[in-house]
């Protein structure tokens, strides 16, 4: 579910960025950041954290920068395993 939803969320981020809709960018980045942490996609999580911070600061250049970095990370998720992930029950 997580991986199937990411391309949709990424497309929504691109649309919000084109519209300079910083609250939506911030909300989407926050949601995706949390989901990424839940599956131990730590590099993507960090990128989305920076994207969220850039949206809060209304820094469009930084939003574009981190959005460009997020795309390839999302594409690579299917190839990645998460050896640093430890689930504690």
C-alpha atoms as a PDB file:
ATOM      1  CA  UNK A   1       0.000   0.000   0.000  1.00  0.00           C
ATOM      2  CA  UNK A   2       2.756   2.435   0.982  1.00  0.00           C
ATOM      3  CA  UNK A   3       4.755   2.004  -2.237  1.00  0.00           C
ATOM      4  CA  UNK A   4       1.640   2.091  -4.427  1.00  0.00           C
ATOM      5  CA  UNK A   5       0.505   5.366  -2.853  1.00  0.00           C
ATOM      6  CA  UNK A   6       3.837   7.198  -3.144  1.00  0.00           C
ATOM      7  CA  UNK A   7       3.670   8.032  -6.876  1.00  0.00           C
ATOM      8  CA  UNK A   8       0.218   9.541  -6.327  1.00  0.00           C
ATOM      9  CA  UNK A   9       1.494  11.580  -3.370  1.00  0.00           C
ATOM     10  CA  UNK A  10       4.541  12.669  -5.380  1.00  0.00           C
ATOM     11  CA  UNK A  11       2.285  13.858  -8.205  1.00  0.00           C
ATOM     12  CA  UNK A  12       0.202  15.834  -5.699  1.00  0.00           C
ATOM     13  CA  UNK A  13       3.409  17.383  -4.348  1.00  0.00           C
ATOM     14  CA  UNK A  14       4.390  18.457  -7.859  1.00  0.00           C
ATOM     15  CA  UNK A  15       0.952  20.002  -8.384  1.00  0.00           C
ATOM     16  CA  UNK A  16       1.081  21.842  -5.062  1.00  0.00           C
ATOM     17  CA  UNK A  17       4.589  23.078  -5.833  1.00  0.00           C
ATOM     18  CA  UNK A  18       3.519  24.376  -9.236  1.00  0.00           C
ATOM     19  CA  UNK A  19       0.672  26.231  -7.493  1.00  0.00           C
ATOM     20  CA  UNK A  20       3.025  27.470  -4.726  1.00  0.00           C
ATOM     21  CA  UNK A  21       0.579  25.942  -2.234  1.00  0.00           C
ATOM     22  CA  UNK A  22       2.945  25.749   0.725  1.00  0.00           C
ATOM     23  CA  UNK A  23       0.404  24.438   3.288  1.00  0.00           C
ATOM     24  CA  UNK A  24      -0.418  21.487   1.012  1.00  0.00           C
ATOM     25  CA  UNK A  25       3.273  20.834   0.331  1.00  0.00           C
ATOM     26  CA  UNK A  26       3.959  20.869   4.054  1.00  0.00           C
ATOM     27  CA  UNK A  27       1.027  18.542   4.798  1.00  0.00           C
ATOM     28  CA  UNK A  28       1.905  16.042   2.078  1.00  0.00           C
ATOM     29  CA  UNK A  29       5.597  16.025   2.981  1.00  0.00           C
ATOM     30  CA  UNK A  30       4.723  15.473   6.647  1.00  0.00           C
ATOM     31  CA  UNK A  31       2.412  12.570   5.822  1.00  0.00           C
ATOM     32  CA  UNK A  32       4.938  10.952   3.478  1.00  0.00           C
ATOM     33  CA  UNK A  33       7.764  11.528   5.976  1.00  0.00           C
ATOM     34  CA  UNK A  34       5.908   9.627   8.685  1.00  0.00           C
ATOM     35  CA  UNK A  35       5.007   6.768   6.385  1.00  0.00           C
ATOM     36  CA  UNK A  36       8.619   6.536   5.230  1.00  0.00           C
ATOM     37  CA  UNK A  37       9.832   6.302   8.801  1.00  0.00           C
ATOM     38  CA  UNK A  38       7.323   3.512   9.457  1.00  0.00           C
ATOM     39  CA  UNK A  39       8.889   1.363   6.710  1.00  0.00           C
ATOM     40  CA  UNK A  40      12.465   2.424   7.570  1.00  0.00           C
ATOM     41  CA  UNK A  41      13.021   4.309   4.290  1.00  0.00           C
ATOM     42  CA  UNK A  42      15.366   6.580   6.195  1.00  0.00           C
ATOM     43  CA  UNK A  43      16.975   8.431   3.280  1.00  0.00           C
ATOM     44  CA  UNK A  44      13.566   9.295   1.860  1.00  0.00           C
ATOM     45  CA  UNK A  45      12.380  10.227   5.343  1.00  0.00           C
ATOM     46  CA  UNK A  46      15.248  12.708   5.725  1.00  0.00           C
ATOM     47  CA  UNK A  47      14.626  14.225   2.304  1.00  0.00           C
ATOM     48  CA  UNK A  48      10.944  14.667   3.096  1.00  0.00           C
ATOM     49  CA  UNK A  49      11.832  16.232   6.455  1.00  0.00           C
ATOM     50  CA  UNK A  50      13.873  18.849   4.595  1.00  0.00           C
ATOM     51  CA  UNK A  51      11.042  19.324   2.098  1.00  0.00           C
ATOM     52  CA  UNK A  52       8.580  19.893   4.924  1.00  0.00           C
ATOM     53  CA  UNK A  53      10.934  22.425   6.538  1.00  0.00           C
ATOM     54  CA  UNK A  54      11.375  24.252   3.224  1.00  0.00           C
ATOM     55  CA  UNK A  55       7.605  24.439   2.802  1.00  0.00           C
ATOM     56  CA  UNK A  56       7.224  25.859   6.308  1.00  0.00           C
ATOM     57  CA  UNK A  57       9.821  28.505   5.424  1.00  0.00           C
ATOM     58  CA  UNK A  58       8.036  29.223   2.114  1.00  0.00           C
ATOM     59  CA  UNK A  59      11.358  28.582   0.330  1.00  0.00           C
ATOM     60  CA  UNK A  60      10.314  27.560  -3.166  1.00  0.00           C
ATOM     61  CA  UNK A  61      13.876  26.933  -4.379  1.00  0.00           C
ATOM     62  CA  UNK A  62      14.504  24.485  -1.530  1.00  0.00           C
ATOM     63  CA  UNK A  63      11.114  22.854  -2.083  1.00  0.00           C
ATOM     64  CA  UNK A  64      12.110  22.234  -5.710  1.00  0.00           C
ATOM     65  CA  UNK A  65      15.511  20.938  -4.638  1.00  0.00           C
ATOM     66  CA  UNK A  66      14.161  18.365  -2.196  1.00  0.00           C
ATOM     67  CA  UNK A  67      11.285  17.404  -4.455  1.00  0.00           C
ATOM     68  CA  UNK A  68      13.802  16.550  -7.181  1.00  0.00           C
ATOM     69  CA  UNK A  69      15.760  14.434  -4.697  1.00  0.00           C
ATOM     70  CA  UNK A  70      12.640  12.603  -3.494  1.00  0.00           C
ATOM     71  CA  UNK A  71      11.607  11.319  -6.937  1.00  0.00           C
ATOM     72  CA  UNK A  72      14.521   8.932  -7.508  1.00  0.00           C
ATOM     73  CA  UNK A  73      14.390   7.755  -3.898  1.00  0.00           C
ATOM     74  CA  UNK A  74      10.746   6.809  -4.359  1.00  0.00           C
ATOM     75  CA  UNK A  75      11.556   4.980  -7.591  1.00  0.00           C
ATOM     76  CA  UNK A  76      14.329   3.036  -5.850  1.00  0.00           C
ATOM     77  CA  UNK A  77      12.161   1.885  -2.936  1.00  0.00           C
ATOM     78  CA  UNK A  78      11.218  -1.353  -4.637  1.00  0.00           C
ATOM     79  CA  UNK A  79      14.908  -2.232  -5.016  1.00  0.00           C
ATOM     80  CA  UNK A  80      15.884  -1.319  -1.492  1.00  0.00           C
ATOM     81  CA  UNK A  81      15.816  -3.472   1.576  1.00  0.00           C
ATOM     82  CA  UNK A  82      16.052  -1.822   4.934  1.00  0.00           C
ATOM     83  CA  UNK A  83      18.780  -3.528   6.979  1.00  0.00           C
ATOM     84  CA  UNK A  84      18.804  -0.782   9.610  1.00  0.00           C
ATOM     85  CA  UNK A  85      15.144  -1.298  10.391  1.00  0.00           C
ATOM     86  CA  UNK A  86      14.422  -2.969  13.670  1.00  0.00           C
ATOM     87  CA  UNK A  87      10.813  -3.458  14.603  1.00  0.00           C
ATOM     88  CA  UNK A  88      10.222  -3.745  18.311  1.00  0.00           C
ATOM     89  CA  UNK A  89       6.956  -5.255  19.464  1.00  0.00           C
END
